[in-house]
Structure formats: structure tokens, C-alpha cells
Amino acid sequence: MWVSVDLCVVPLGVGVSLAPYVAACQRVIEQAGLDHELGPNGTAIEGEWDAVFACVRDCHDAVHALGAPRVYTTLKVNTRTDRQQSFRDKVVSVQASTLSGA
């Protein structure tokens, strides 16, 4: 099943700067070969269900490996059975509706 997620991984107990942990997770996503886009408060990822959720697990492993004793994650999950629509397609659709006044 094709899935699109918004992933926000937050290491706890590591101080205020989270950039090194976010970067580690981004490397995991890139190595997984999944389509993704980093945002200011999370990362959009899409692909086959098993690959995406294995990647989420691998992000946790990577953040723990950097010394985070606890990881708190929020995950929004979107699936469709009628068609495959990328997260970029969704943004374009909303932008087009905004421009047309619909």
C-alpha cells in the first residue's frame, strides 16, 4: 500500500539544539531512497507502507545511537485506495484552488 506521512522526530534529554538529530534522520530517509521533503516542523515522506515504516524505525534507531535517551514522534499517515497522489500533487491542487477562488 502506498502511504504518505508527516514525520516529526523529537529527541528528549539532549538539550535545545535538535539539528544534528534531524540531520541524522534525514540521512536515514535519503539512504532508504524514499521521496521526501524537509519542512520547518517535520518531514513529508512517501512510498510503500513497509519501506516508510521501516524508515521511521530506522530514524528512531539513528537518533538513539546519537545518545538521545528518549525519542518522541508524531506521525500523520495518509493512504488512498482510489489513486496514488503524491504530497507534492496535493500542494499543487490546493494552490490551484486558491488561485481559482474555489
Foldseek 3Di string as FASTA:
>chain_A
DKKKKWKAKDFPPPDDDCVVLVVQLVVLLVVLVWDWDDDPGTMITIDDPVSVVVSVVVSVVRSVVVPRPDMDMDMDMDDDDPDDAGPVNVVVVVVVCVVVVD
